[in-house]
Amino acid sequence: MTNVDYAQFDKMSPFEIKDGLIKFAKATSAKSAQALLNAGRGNPNWIATAPREAFFLFGQFALTEARRAMDDPQAGLAGMPQPGGAAGRLTAWLSKHPDAPGAEFLGRAVDFSVKTFGFDADAFVYEMTDSIIGDNYPVPDRMLVHAEQVVHRYLMWAMCGDKPPPGEFKLYAVEGGTAAMCYIFKSMMANRILKKGDTIALGTPIFTPYMEIAELEDYAFKAVHVKAVQENRFQYPDEELKKLEDPAIKAFFVCNPGNPTSMAMDADTRKKLVDLIKNKRPDLILLTDDVYGTFVPGFRSLMADLPHNTIGVYSYSKYFGCTGWRLGVIALHENHLLDEMIAKLPEKDLAALDKRYGSITLTPRELKMIDRIVADSRDVALNHTAGLSLPQQVMMTFFSLSELMDAKKVYQKACMEICHHRVAALLEGLPLDVQPNPNFAYYYGTIDFEFWLRKYVGEEMVQWLKKNVHPLDLVYKLAEDHAVVLLNGGGFDAPNWSVRVSFANLADDTYDDIGRAVRAVARGYVESYRAQGGKVGGIKFGR
């Protein structure tokens, strides 16, 4: 084993440590002919095909529409699509290409949208046609009119278990969940909702950037960690939720289902949080990042139970296999706490915000928070060119329609089956017997060496591990000895002696190998402990 000074990496993001692990794993793979297994990435290795087929075919139709207005083949010039009769022309065009991949989807999508949303067919088809060509700035800048309604309906299924709260959410289409996080933090500061040095709470373990952003000098937030623990099946215990009763805490940020735990809040935990907010902390802002919600049957987000307090963030990246498309949404309910908080700001602050937004509206105090986020994402001055690119909004719309039209949820079941099968393979390789949990998304898994050694060996072994083994030794041994790359759990504020496995990005038949590699590392620690006189008892590590 190469001698590594682990202390230098203690404060580094696991996503940056990963690059060093990959170098070790590549070297091991080259020397030993072992396959490099990088289960540190969250990018899925599947894609949704039907909406993509429709997108690329629809682009061909859109070009015929552009050429109707102007066509100079020699120069490679065409005009801009025109609205009148667009739906009829699409129907006629599809009749000439009935067997083209995506043709059936497009025909059904238009019919479904007209019947479900009451759209004017011409207006809907023209919006999509002009948008896929990308010849205009986004108007409205927040989100296209028809696209917003389709995505809203999709979110009510994906985030609210098809039982949405009263009223509507206003949506801002953004460049993935990453952009959503950046825009929200920036706008809450600009609007005096959060101030530098404020206290916030983080539901941990959590996606590392939430912790890192909070520590930046731009924000310098004091972070209180509300811990979900493995002993409680990664739910927040009562004593942890009680921390949120402190009025100094301005906001509570969560990933639900968790990253790296993949565990969604169960109904009991959600009820406790709802009761706490309604009875003790009606002023608490919630931000929930729910990208993995579609991997949990009947998932229900905090935006469904606490719409007045919650900023919802959703990304299409994982479910539809489209991280490169950069598709995400920020959702705020039409009656939102943030708008009330802005209205109650001191006159001095309101006057400053009047000046900030005065160039884009004559009534800045009536500007909703969702529209402030849009403006702030482009430093206000460039608000007129804000908004997600129009071809991206078309792709988002087609992704949403593909799920809405899938009444039997064939696609969702297939995605879930992929992840479930890989988890089963890992457990077989370890081997471990883990009871099913209906709140588990199966997208990631957290293997906690401390938890399992305490359970199967004893507390003395755990204390020996903590005294003699640096937590990063786990992931470095896996990389150098087995060409396996996993992320260190401590980087997510998960238990220090834990690792995160992604079940999304490798072939099914590799996960039993990963399980055996993890078992081999654990066995090595136990043997070292035994060699120093430690008592192990009857623990077995299989083959």
Protein backbone atom coordinates (compact mmCIF):
# COMPACT_ATOMS: atom_id res chain seq x y z
CA MET A 1 0.00 0.00 0.00
CA THR A 2 1.38 3.39 -1.02
CA ASN A 3 2.09 5.66 1.93
CA VAL A 4 -0.48 8.48 1.79
CA ASP A 5 -0.68 11.48 4.11
CA TYR A 6 -4.43 11.38 4.63
CA ALA A 7 -4.51 14.44 6.90
CA GLN A 8 -3.97 16.76 3.94
CA PHE A 9 -7.28 15.59 2.44
CA ASP A 10 -9.41 15.96 5.57
CA LYS A 11 -11.07 19.18 4.36
CA MET A 12 -11.24 18.28 0.68
CA SER A 13 -14.49 17.45 -1.10
CA PRO A 14 -14.98 13.73 -1.82
CA PHE A 15 -15.56 14.69 -5.44
CA GLU A 16 -12.01 16.05 -5.60
CA ILE A 17 -10.50 13.15 -3.62
CA LYS A 18 -12.10 10.90 -6.21
CA ASP A 19 -9.66 12.09 -8.88
CA GLY A 20 -6.72 10.79 -6.82
CA LEU A 21 -8.50 7.51 -6.20
CA ILE A 22 -9.06 7.04 -9.91
CA LYS A 23 -5.30 7.38 -10.52
CA PHE A 24 -4.59 4.64 -7.98
CA ALA A 25 -7.34 2.44 -9.41
CA LYS A 26 -6.09 2.90 -12.99
CA ALA A 27 -2.57 1.89 -11.97
CA THR A 28 -3.90 -1.19 -10.17
CA SER A 29 -6.09 -2.09 -13.11
CA ALA A 30 -3.16 -1.81 -15.52
CA LYS A 31 -0.91 -3.99 -13.35
CA SER A 32 -3.39 -6.66 -12.33
CA ALA A 33 -5.82 -6.77 -15.27
CA GLN A 34 -8.63 -6.06 -12.80
CA ALA A 35 -11.41 -3.94 -14.29
CA LEU A 36 -11.52 -0.40 -12.93
CA LEU A 37 -14.90 -0.06 -11.19
CA ASN A 38 -15.75 3.58 -10.55
CA ALA A 39 -18.90 3.53 -8.43
CA GLY A 40 -18.19 7.04 -7.20
CA ARG A 41 -20.15 8.69 -10.01
CA GLY A 42 -23.86 9.39 -9.74
CA ASN A 43 -24.42 9.65 -13.47
CA PRO A 44 -26.78 6.83 -14.58
CA ASN A 45 -25.78 4.48 -17.39
CA TRP A 46 -29.28 4.40 -18.90
CA ILE A 47 -31.27 6.95 -20.90
CA ALA A 48 -34.93 7.52 -21.69
CA THR A 49 -35.22 6.87 -25.44
CA ALA A 50 -38.82 7.74 -26.42
CA PRO A 51 -38.68 11.47 -25.58
CA ARG A 52 -35.27 11.76 -27.23
CA GLU A 53 -36.51 10.13 -30.42
CA ALA A 54 -39.40 12.58 -30.44
CA PHE A 55 -37.07 15.53 -29.82
CA PHE A 56 -34.73 14.75 -32.71
CA LEU A 57 -37.58 13.99 -35.11
CA PHE A 58 -39.44 17.13 -34.09
CA GLY A 59 -36.34 19.14 -34.92
CA GLN A 60 -36.63 17.94 -38.52
CA PHE A 61 -40.25 19.08 -38.66
CA ALA A 62 -39.28 22.44 -37.18
CA LEU A 63 -36.77 22.98 -39.99
CA THR A 64 -39.51 22.46 -42.57
CA GLU A 65 -41.51 25.10 -40.72
CA ALA A 66 -38.59 27.52 -40.82
CA ARG A 67 -38.19 26.97 -44.56
CA ARG A 68 -41.83 27.86 -45.17
CA ALA A 69 -41.02 31.49 -44.34
CA MET A 70 -37.72 31.72 -46.22
CA ASP A 71 -35.62 29.13 -47.99
CA ASP A 72 -32.25 29.69 -49.63
CA PRO A 73 -30.61 26.25 -49.88
CA GLN A 74 -27.59 27.64 -51.67
CA ALA A 75 -26.78 30.02 -48.82
CA GLY A 76 -28.02 27.62 -46.12
CA LEU A 77 -30.63 30.15 -44.94
CA ALA A 78 -34.14 29.71 -43.66
CA GLY A 79 -36.66 31.93 -41.89
CA MET A 80 -38.50 31.68 -38.60
CA PRO A 81 -41.42 29.31 -37.93
CA GLN A 82 -44.86 30.89 -38.13
CA PRO A 83 -47.78 30.15 -35.80
CA GLY A 84 -50.89 29.76 -37.94
CA GLY A 85 -51.89 26.14 -38.63
CA ALA A 86 -48.77 24.59 -37.03
CA ALA A 87 -50.65 21.64 -35.52
CA GLY A 88 -52.26 20.65 -38.83
CA ARG A 89 -48.94 20.82 -40.61
CA LEU A 90 -47.34 18.62 -37.95
CA THR A 91 -50.11 16.03 -38.37
CA ALA A 92 -49.65 16.05 -42.14
CA TRP A 93 -45.86 15.81 -41.82
CA LEU A 94 -46.08 12.89 -39.37
CA SER A 95 -48.41 11.07 -41.79
CA LYS A 96 -45.53 11.07 -44.28
CA HIS A 97 -43.12 9.65 -41.67
CA PRO A 98 -45.29 7.16 -39.76
CA ASP A 99 -42.48 4.72 -39.05
CA ALA A 100 -39.88 7.26 -38.02
CA PRO A 101 -38.67 6.80 -34.40
CA GLY A 102 -40.56 9.37 -32.33
CA ALA A 103 -43.49 9.86 -34.73
CA GLU A 104 -46.00 7.97 -32.63
CA PHE A 105 -44.84 9.79 -29.48
CA LEU A 106 -45.27 13.22 -31.09
CA GLY A 107 -48.79 12.47 -32.29
CA ARG A 108 -49.82 11.18 -28.88
CA ALA A 109 -48.10 14.05 -27.08
CA VAL A 110 -50.07 16.72 -28.93
CA ASP A 111 -53.38 14.90 -28.44
CA PHE A 112 -52.62 14.25 -24.77
CA SER A 113 -51.64 17.87 -24.12
CA VAL A 114 -54.75 19.27 -25.80
CA LYS A 115 -57.04 16.93 -23.86
CA THR A 116 -55.24 17.15 -20.50
CA PHE A 117 -54.37 20.84 -20.35
CA GLY A 118 -56.91 22.34 -22.71
CA PHE A 119 -54.14 23.70 -24.93
CA ASP A 120 -54.85 25.25 -28.29
CA ALA A 121 -53.08 22.77 -30.55
CA ASP A 122 -51.64 25.41 -32.86
CA ALA A 123 -50.30 27.51 -29.98
CA PHE A 124 -48.68 24.51 -28.29
CA VAL A 125 -47.07 23.11 -31.44
CA TYR A 126 -45.85 26.56 -32.47
CA GLU A 127 -44.29 27.17 -29.03
CA MET A 128 -42.42 23.89 -29.25
CA THR A 129 -41.47 24.43 -32.91
CA ASP A 130 -40.06 27.91 -32.47
CA SER A 131 -38.34 26.83 -29.25
CA ILE A 132 -36.56 23.79 -30.65
CA ILE A 133 -35.21 26.00 -33.43
CA GLY A 134 -33.91 28.33 -30.69
CA ASP A 135 -34.33 31.52 -32.74
CA ASN A 136 -35.70 33.69 -29.92
CA TYR A 137 -34.91 34.58 -26.34
CA PRO A 138 -37.07 32.74 -23.77
CA VAL A 139 -40.42 34.51 -23.36
CA PRO A 140 -41.57 34.53 -20.62
CA ASP A 141 -38.04 34.48 -19.25
CA ARG A 142 -39.06 32.36 -16.25
CA MET A 143 -40.47 29.51 -18.36
CA LEU A 144 -42.47 28.93 -21.52
CA VAL A 145 -46.23 29.08 -20.95
CA HIS A 146 -47.15 25.60 -22.18
CA ALA A 147 -43.95 24.01 -20.92
CA GLU A 148 -44.58 25.30 -17.40
CA GLN A 149 -48.02 23.70 -17.28
CA VAL A 150 -46.70 20.35 -18.48
CA VAL A 151 -43.76 20.38 -16.06
CA HIS A 152 -46.03 21.49 -13.22
CA ARG A 153 -48.26 18.47 -13.80
CA TYR A 154 -45.23 16.19 -13.91
CA LEU A 155 -43.93 17.61 -10.59
CA MET A 156 -47.31 17.07 -8.95
CA TRP A 157 -46.88 13.37 -9.76
CA ALA A 158 -43.15 13.12 -9.10
CA MET A 159 -42.98 15.25 -5.94
CA CYS A 160 -46.49 15.14 -4.51
CA GLY A 161 -47.53 11.53 -5.07
CA ASP A 162 -50.30 12.81 -7.38
CA LYS A 163 -51.94 14.48 -4.34
CA PRO A 164 -50.79 18.10 -4.63
CA PRO A 165 -51.63 20.80 -2.10
CA PRO A 166 -54.19 23.48 -3.00
CA GLY A 167 -52.98 26.26 -5.28
CA GLU A 168 -50.18 26.27 -7.84
CA PHE A 169 -46.42 26.37 -7.87
CA LYS A 170 -44.61 28.91 -10.01
CA LEU A 171 -41.65 27.37 -11.81
CA TYR A 172 -38.31 28.61 -13.03
CA ALA A 173 -36.59 26.29 -15.52
CA VAL A 174 -32.84 26.27 -14.82
CA GLU A 175 -29.62 24.59 -15.91
CA GLY A 176 -29.94 21.60 -13.60
CA GLY A 177 -30.01 21.35 -9.82
CA THR A 178 -26.55 22.90 -9.66
CA ALA A 179 -27.75 26.19 -11.11
CA ALA A 180 -30.83 26.08 -8.91
CA MET A 181 -28.68 25.95 -5.78
CA CYS A 182 -26.49 28.84 -6.91
CA TYR A 183 -29.43 31.04 -7.94
CA ILE A 184 -31.36 30.43 -4.73
CA PHE A 185 -28.47 31.19 -2.41
CA LYS A 186 -27.62 34.34 -4.35
CA SER A 187 -31.18 35.66 -4.45
CA MET A 188 -31.94 35.02 -0.79
CA MET A 189 -28.89 37.09 0.09
CA ALA A 190 -29.77 39.85 -2.37
CA ASN A 191 -33.28 40.09 -0.94
CA ARG A 192 -32.13 40.29 2.69
CA ILE A 193 -33.83 37.00 3.56
CA LEU A 194 -30.49 35.56 4.63
CA LYS A 195 -27.55 37.66 5.71
CA LYS A 196 -23.86 36.89 5.96
CA GLY A 197 -23.17 35.03 9.19
CA ASP A 198 -26.77 33.82 9.68
CA THR A 199 -27.44 30.41 11.19
CA ILE A 200 -28.88 27.71 8.97
CA ALA A 201 -29.51 24.00 9.47
CA LEU A 202 -28.38 21.20 7.18
CA GLY A 203 -30.03 17.79 7.19
CA THR A 204 -26.99 15.54 7.18
CA PRO A 205 -25.62 13.40 5.64
CA ILE A 206 -26.01 15.72 2.65
CA PHE A 207 -24.62 16.40 -0.82
CA THR A 208 -21.25 17.97 -0.04
CA PRO A 209 -21.66 21.27 -1.96
CA TYR A 210 -24.43 22.36 0.41
CA MET A 211 -21.90 22.32 3.23
CA GLU A 212 -19.20 23.93 1.11
CA ILE A 213 -21.40 26.77 -0.18
CA ALA A 214 -22.48 27.60 3.37
CA GLU A 215 -18.82 28.00 4.37
CA LEU A 216 -17.88 30.34 1.52
CA GLU A 217 -16.92 33.87 2.54
CA ASP A 218 -19.84 35.12 0.41
CA TYR A 219 -22.21 33.62 2.98
CA ALA A 220 -20.20 32.53 6.05
CA PHE A 221 -23.27 30.80 7.45
CA LYS A 222 -23.16 29.10 10.82
CA ALA A 223 -24.37 25.59 10.06
CA VAL A 224 -26.24 23.41 12.55
CA HIS A 225 -26.25 19.77 11.47
CA VAL A 226 -29.51 17.89 11.95
CA LYS A 227 -28.31 14.31 11.73
CA ALA A 228 -30.14 11.32 10.28
CA VAL A 229 -28.49 8.27 11.80
CA GLN A 230 -28.19 4.70 10.59
CA GLU A 231 -29.46 3.37 13.92
CA ASN A 232 -32.71 5.16 13.06
CA ARG A 233 -32.70 3.91 9.44
CA PHE A 234 -31.37 7.31 8.37
CA GLN A 235 -34.39 9.21 9.67
CA TYR A 236 -34.03 12.31 11.86
CA PRO A 237 -34.48 11.41 15.56
CA ASP A 238 -36.69 13.62 17.72
CA GLU A 239 -33.71 15.18 19.50
CA GLU A 240 -32.23 16.22 16.14
CA LEU A 241 -35.47 17.74 14.84
CA LYS A 242 -35.75 19.64 18.12
CA LYS A 243 -32.72 21.68 17.04
CA LEU A 244 -34.98 23.38 14.48
CA GLU A 245 -37.01 24.97 17.28
CA ASP A 246 -34.16 27.44 17.79
CA PRO A 247 -35.39 30.77 16.32
CA ALA A 248 -31.83 31.66 15.37
CA ILE A 249 -31.99 29.06 12.59
CA LYS A 250 -33.30 30.85 9.51
CA ALA A 251 -33.46 27.96 7.04
CA PHE A 252 -33.25 24.17 6.86
CA PHE A 253 -31.69 22.59 3.77
CA VAL A 254 -32.26 18.91 2.97
CA CYS A 255 -31.70 16.36 0.21
CA ASN A 256 -34.70 14.06 0.12
CA PRO A 257 -34.06 11.20 -0.62
CA GLY A 258 -30.64 11.67 0.88
CA ASN A 259 -27.29 11.77 -0.81
CA PRO A 260 -25.34 9.60 0.06
CA THR A 261 -27.93 7.55 1.98
CA SER A 262 -30.66 7.35 -0.72
CA MET A 263 -33.20 7.32 2.12
CA ALA A 264 -36.38 9.38 1.82
CA MET A 265 -38.09 10.86 4.85
CA ASP A 266 -40.73 8.45 6.06
CA ALA A 267 -44.30 9.51 6.80
CA ASP A 268 -43.66 9.73 10.54
CA THR A 269 -40.65 12.03 10.13
CA ARG A 270 -42.51 14.25 7.67
CA LYS A 271 -45.43 14.52 10.09
CA LYS A 272 -43.12 15.54 12.92
CA LEU A 273 -41.53 18.19 10.73
CA VAL A 274 -44.92 19.47 9.57
CA ASP A 275 -46.11 19.73 13.17
CA LEU A 276 -42.91 21.52 14.21
CA ILE A 277 -43.20 24.07 11.39
CA LYS A 278 -46.89 24.75 11.88
CA ASN A 279 -46.84 24.93 15.67
CA LYS A 280 -43.38 26.23 16.57
CA ARG A 281 -41.49 27.53 13.51
CA PRO A 282 -43.88 28.93 10.90
CA ASP A 283 -41.06 31.34 9.96
CA LEU A 284 -38.57 28.58 9.03
CA ILE A 285 -37.54 28.43 5.37
CA LEU A 286 -37.16 24.93 3.90
CA LEU A 287 -35.10 24.09 0.84
CA THR A 288 -35.52 20.55 -0.44
CA ASP A 289 -33.48 18.97 -3.24
CA ASP A 290 -35.55 16.00 -4.41
CA VAL A 291 -33.72 14.70 -7.48
CA TYR A 292 -33.97 11.04 -6.39
CA GLY A 293 -37.66 11.15 -5.42
CA THR A 294 -38.83 9.31 -8.54
CA PHE A 295 -36.93 6.21 -7.39
CA VAL A 296 -39.17 5.87 -4.29
CA PRO A 297 -42.73 4.56 -4.89
CA GLY A 298 -45.34 7.14 -3.92
CA PHE A 299 -42.67 9.69 -2.96
CA ARG A 300 -43.91 12.82 -1.22
CA SER A 301 -41.74 15.93 -0.96
CA LEU A 302 -41.82 18.62 1.70
CA MET A 303 -43.12 20.93 -1.02
CA ALA A 304 -46.30 18.85 -0.96
CA ASP A 305 -46.74 18.92 2.81
CA LEU A 306 -45.32 22.39 3.54
CA PRO A 307 -45.76 24.38 0.31
CA HIS A 308 -45.87 27.74 2.11
CA ASN A 309 -42.36 27.30 3.55
CA THR A 310 -40.59 25.17 0.96
CA ILE A 311 -38.32 26.02 -1.94
CA GLY A 312 -38.47 22.96 -4.17
CA VAL A 313 -35.54 21.94 -6.37
CA TYR A 314 -35.84 19.13 -8.89
CA SER A 315 -33.45 17.91 -11.57
CA TYR A 316 -34.31 15.63 -14.48
CA SER A 317 -30.73 14.41 -14.69
CA LYS A 318 -30.83 11.10 -12.85
CA TYR A 319 -34.26 9.72 -13.71
CA PHE A 320 -34.06 10.36 -17.46
CA GLY A 321 -30.31 9.86 -17.79
CA CYS A 322 -29.72 13.43 -18.96
CA THR A 323 -27.07 15.04 -16.78
CA GLY A 324 -25.54 16.59 -19.89
CA TRP A 325 -28.80 18.30 -20.82
CA ARG A 326 -28.71 20.43 -17.62
CA LEU A 327 -32.43 20.39 -16.88
CA GLY A 328 -33.82 21.49 -13.53
CA VAL A 329 -36.66 23.42 -11.92
CA ILE A 330 -37.06 25.75 -8.97
CA ALA A 331 -40.62 25.64 -7.59
CA LEU A 332 -42.24 28.18 -5.24
CA HIS A 333 -45.88 28.03 -4.24
CA GLU A 334 -47.99 31.01 -5.27
CA ASN A 335 -48.54 31.80 -1.58
CA HIS A 336 -45.03 31.66 -0.19
CA LEU A 337 -43.32 32.63 3.03
CA LEU A 338 -40.49 34.36 1.16
CA ASP A 339 -42.87 36.90 -0.39
CA GLU A 340 -44.30 37.62 3.06
CA MET A 341 -40.82 38.04 4.52
CA ILE A 342 -39.81 40.52 1.83
CA ALA A 343 -42.97 42.57 2.38
CA LYS A 344 -42.11 42.85 6.10
CA LEU A 345 -38.55 44.08 5.58
CA PRO A 346 -37.58 47.44 7.09
CA GLU A 347 -38.29 50.42 4.85
CA LYS A 348 -34.57 50.98 4.31
CA ASP A 349 -34.18 47.49 2.85
CA LEU A 350 -37.33 47.81 0.76
CA ALA A 351 -36.06 51.07 -0.69
CA ALA A 352 -32.78 49.38 -1.62
CA LEU A 353 -34.66 46.55 -3.31
CA ASP A 354 -36.87 49.07 -5.13
CA LYS A 355 -33.69 50.45 -6.64
CA ARG A 356 -32.33 46.97 -7.40
CA TYR A 357 -35.39 45.87 -9.36
CA GLY A 358 -36.61 49.27 -10.56
CA SER A 359 -35.17 48.76 -14.04
CA ILE A 360 -37.41 45.75 -14.74
CA THR A 361 -40.74 46.75 -13.15
CA LEU A 362 -42.64 49.87 -12.16
CA THR A 363 -43.89 48.08 -9.03
CA PRO A 364 -40.82 46.32 -7.56
CA ARG A 365 -42.55 45.61 -4.24
CA GLU A 366 -45.05 43.42 -6.06
CA LEU A 367 -42.30 41.33 -7.68
CA LYS A 368 -42.63 37.73 -6.51
CA MET A 369 -39.63 35.91 -5.12
CA ILE A 370 -39.62 33.42 -8.00
CA ASP A 371 -39.24 36.33 -10.45
CA ARG A 372 -36.56 37.91 -8.27
CA ILE A 373 -34.60 34.67 -8.53
CA VAL A 374 -34.89 34.87 -12.32
CA ALA A 375 -33.65 38.46 -12.36
CA ASP A 376 -30.85 37.81 -9.87
CA SER A 377 -29.65 34.86 -11.94
CA ARG A 378 -28.71 37.42 -14.59
CA ASP A 379 -27.64 40.22 -12.22
CA VAL A 380 -30.98 41.98 -12.85
CA ALA A 381 -29.55 44.13 -15.67
CA LEU A 382 -29.66 41.15 -18.04
CA ASN A 383 -33.11 39.98 -16.95
CA HIS A 384 -34.42 40.43 -20.51
CA THR A 385 -32.11 37.63 -21.66
CA ALA A 386 -32.72 35.34 -18.69
CA GLY A 387 -34.17 31.87 -18.85
CA LEU A 388 -33.20 28.34 -19.77
CA SER A 389 -32.42 27.87 -23.46
CA LEU A 390 -35.53 27.02 -25.44
CA PRO A 391 -34.34 23.69 -26.93
CA GLN A 392 -33.65 22.60 -23.33
CA GLN A 393 -37.18 23.57 -22.34
CA VAL A 394 -38.56 21.48 -25.21
CA MET A 395 -36.53 18.48 -24.03
CA MET A 396 -37.80 19.03 -20.47
CA THR A 397 -41.36 19.15 -21.78
CA PHE A 398 -40.93 15.92 -23.74
CA PHE A 399 -39.39 14.17 -20.74
CA SER A 400 -42.36 15.27 -18.62
CA LEU A 401 -44.90 14.19 -21.23
CA SER A 402 -43.26 10.78 -21.58
CA GLU A 403 -43.88 10.10 -17.89
CA LEU A 404 -47.36 11.63 -17.83
CA MET A 405 -48.45 9.49 -20.79
CA ASP A 406 -47.00 6.35 -19.20
CA ALA A 407 -50.09 5.40 -17.19
CA LYS A 408 -48.68 2.00 -16.21
CA LYS A 409 -45.34 3.55 -15.15
CA VAL A 410 -43.39 1.06 -17.24
CA TYR A 411 -40.37 3.36 -17.40
CA GLN A 412 -40.30 4.03 -13.65
CA LYS A 413 -40.54 0.33 -12.84
CA ALA A 414 -37.69 -0.42 -15.24
CA CYS A 415 -35.44 2.23 -13.66
CA MET A 416 -36.20 0.95 -10.18
CA GLU A 417 -35.54 -2.64 -11.22
CA ILE A 418 -32.06 -1.71 -12.48
CA CYS A 419 -31.09 -0.21 -9.13
CA HIS A 420 -32.75 -2.94 -7.04
CA HIS A 421 -30.93 -5.66 -8.96
CA ARG A 422 -27.56 -3.97 -8.43
CA VAL A 423 -28.14 -3.51 -4.71
CA ALA A 424 -28.99 -7.21 -4.43
CA ALA A 425 -25.74 -8.10 -6.24
CA LEU A 426 -23.67 -5.93 -3.87
CA LEU A 427 -25.29 -7.50 -0.81
CA GLU A 428 -24.59 -10.95 -2.21
CA GLY A 429 -20.95 -10.06 -2.68
CA LEU A 430 -20.49 -8.63 0.83
CA PRO A 431 -22.48 -10.80 1.92
CA LEU A 432 -25.05 -9.01 4.08
CA ASP A 433 -28.71 -9.58 4.79
CA VAL A 434 -30.50 -6.21 4.79
CA GLN A 435 -34.23 -5.89 5.24
CA PRO A 436 -36.12 -3.99 2.48
CA ASN A 437 -37.10 -0.40 3.27
CA PRO A 438 -39.93 1.29 1.32
CA ASN A 439 -38.23 4.68 1.74
CA PHE A 440 -34.95 3.55 0.17
CA ALA A 441 -34.34 4.87 -3.37
CA TYR A 442 -31.64 2.25 -4.14
CA TYR A 443 -29.71 4.87 -6.14
CA TYR A 444 -26.80 5.11 -3.69
CA GLY A 445 -25.85 3.01 -0.72
CA THR A 446 -23.87 3.86 2.40
CA ILE A 447 -21.73 1.07 3.84
CA ASP A 448 -20.78 2.02 7.38
CA PHE A 449 -17.80 -0.02 8.59
CA GLU A 450 -18.16 1.33 12.13
CA PHE A 451 -21.84 0.35 12.34
CA TRP A 452 -21.31 -3.17 11.04
CA LEU A 453 -18.12 -3.87 13.00
CA ARG A 454 -19.83 -2.72 16.17
CA LYS A 455 -22.76 -5.02 15.39
CA TYR A 456 -20.77 -8.12 14.36
CA VAL A 457 -17.43 -7.78 16.21
CA GLY A 458 -17.86 -5.44 19.14
CA GLU A 459 -17.09 -2.01 20.56
CA GLU A 460 -13.43 -2.85 21.21
CA MET A 461 -12.89 -3.45 17.50
CA VAL A 462 -14.52 -0.11 16.69
CA GLN A 463 -12.28 1.74 19.13
CA TRP A 464 -9.22 -0.02 17.67
CA LEU A 465 -10.31 1.02 14.16
CA LYS A 466 -10.71 4.66 15.19
CA LYS A 467 -7.33 4.68 16.89
CA ASN A 468 -5.34 2.93 14.17
CA VAL A 469 -7.07 3.58 10.83
CA HIS A 470 -7.67 6.93 9.13
CA PRO A 471 -11.17 7.02 7.56
CA LEU A 472 -9.75 7.72 4.10
CA ASP A 473 -7.75 4.50 4.29
CA LEU A 474 -10.96 2.68 3.33
CA VAL A 475 -11.34 4.29 -0.07
CA TYR A 476 -7.61 4.29 -0.81
CA LYS A 477 -7.31 0.56 -0.04
CA LEU A 478 -10.28 -0.15 -2.29
CA ALA A 479 -8.68 1.86 -5.12
CA GLU A 480 -5.11 0.57 -4.78
CA ASP A 481 -5.81 -3.03 -3.85
CA HIS A 482 -9.00 -3.69 -5.84
CA ALA A 483 -9.29 -0.95 -8.53
CA VAL A 484 -12.62 0.06 -6.97
CA VAL A 485 -13.49 3.75 -6.59
CA LEU A 486 -16.05 4.71 -3.93
CA LEU A 487 -16.51 8.07 -2.20
CA ASN A 488 -15.68 8.61 1.47
CA GLY A 489 -18.81 9.03 3.55
CA GLY A 490 -17.24 11.56 5.90
CA GLY A 491 -17.18 14.08 3.05
CA PHE A 492 -20.99 14.09 3.15
CA ASP A 493 -21.07 14.30 6.95
CA ALA A 494 -22.01 10.64 6.92
CA PRO A 495 -20.18 8.38 9.42
CA ASN A 496 -16.41 8.78 9.01
CA TRP A 497 -15.75 5.08 8.46
CA SER A 498 -18.34 4.76 5.72
CA VAL A 499 -18.27 4.73 1.91
CA ARG A 500 -20.84 5.71 -0.72
CA VAL A 501 -21.63 3.31 -3.55
CA SER A 502 -23.48 4.50 -6.65
CA PHE A 503 -25.80 1.87 -8.09
CA ALA A 504 -26.46 3.95 -11.19
CA ASN A 505 -23.41 3.92 -13.37
CA LEU A 506 -21.90 0.44 -13.67
CA ALA A 507 -22.97 -2.83 -15.28
CA ASP A 508 -25.12 -5.10 -13.15
CA ASP A 509 -22.52 -7.86 -12.96
CA THR A 510 -19.88 -5.61 -11.34
CA TYR A 511 -21.62 -4.98 -8.05
CA ASP A 512 -20.95 -8.37 -6.51
CA ASP A 513 -17.26 -7.70 -7.25
CA ILE A 514 -17.51 -4.39 -5.41
CA GLY A 515 -19.15 -6.18 -2.50
CA ARG A 516 -16.32 -8.70 -2.34
CA ALA A 517 -13.74 -5.89 -2.46
CA VAL A 518 -15.39 -4.08 0.45
CA ARG A 519 -15.55 -7.34 2.38
CA ALA A 520 -11.84 -7.95 1.72
CA VAL A 521 -10.90 -4.53 3.12
CA ALA A 522 -13.04 -5.12 6.21
CA ARG A 523 -11.49 -8.57 6.64
CA GLY A 524 -8.02 -7.01 6.50
CA TYR A 525 -8.87 -4.65 9.35
CA VAL A 526 -10.27 -7.48 11.44
CA GLU A 527 -7.17 -9.59 10.85
CA SER A 528 -4.92 -6.69 11.86
CA TYR A 529 -6.99 -6.24 14.99
CA ARG A 530 -6.76 -9.97 15.77
CA ALA A 531 -2.98 -9.94 15.21
CA GLN A 532 -2.68 -7.30 17.91
CA GLY A 533 -4.55 -9.44 20.40
CA GLY A 534 -8.08 -8.30 19.69
CA LYS A 535 -10.93 -10.73 20.21
CA VAL A 536 -13.13 -11.30 17.19
CA GLY A 537 -15.43 -14.11 18.17
CA GLY A 538 -17.25 -16.05 15.49
CA ILE A 539 -17.40 -13.40 12.77
CA LYS A 540 -17.09 -14.76 9.26
CA PHE A 541 -16.26 -12.90 6.07
CA GLY A 542 -17.30 -15.57 3.64
CA ARG A 543 -15.19 -16.91 0.82
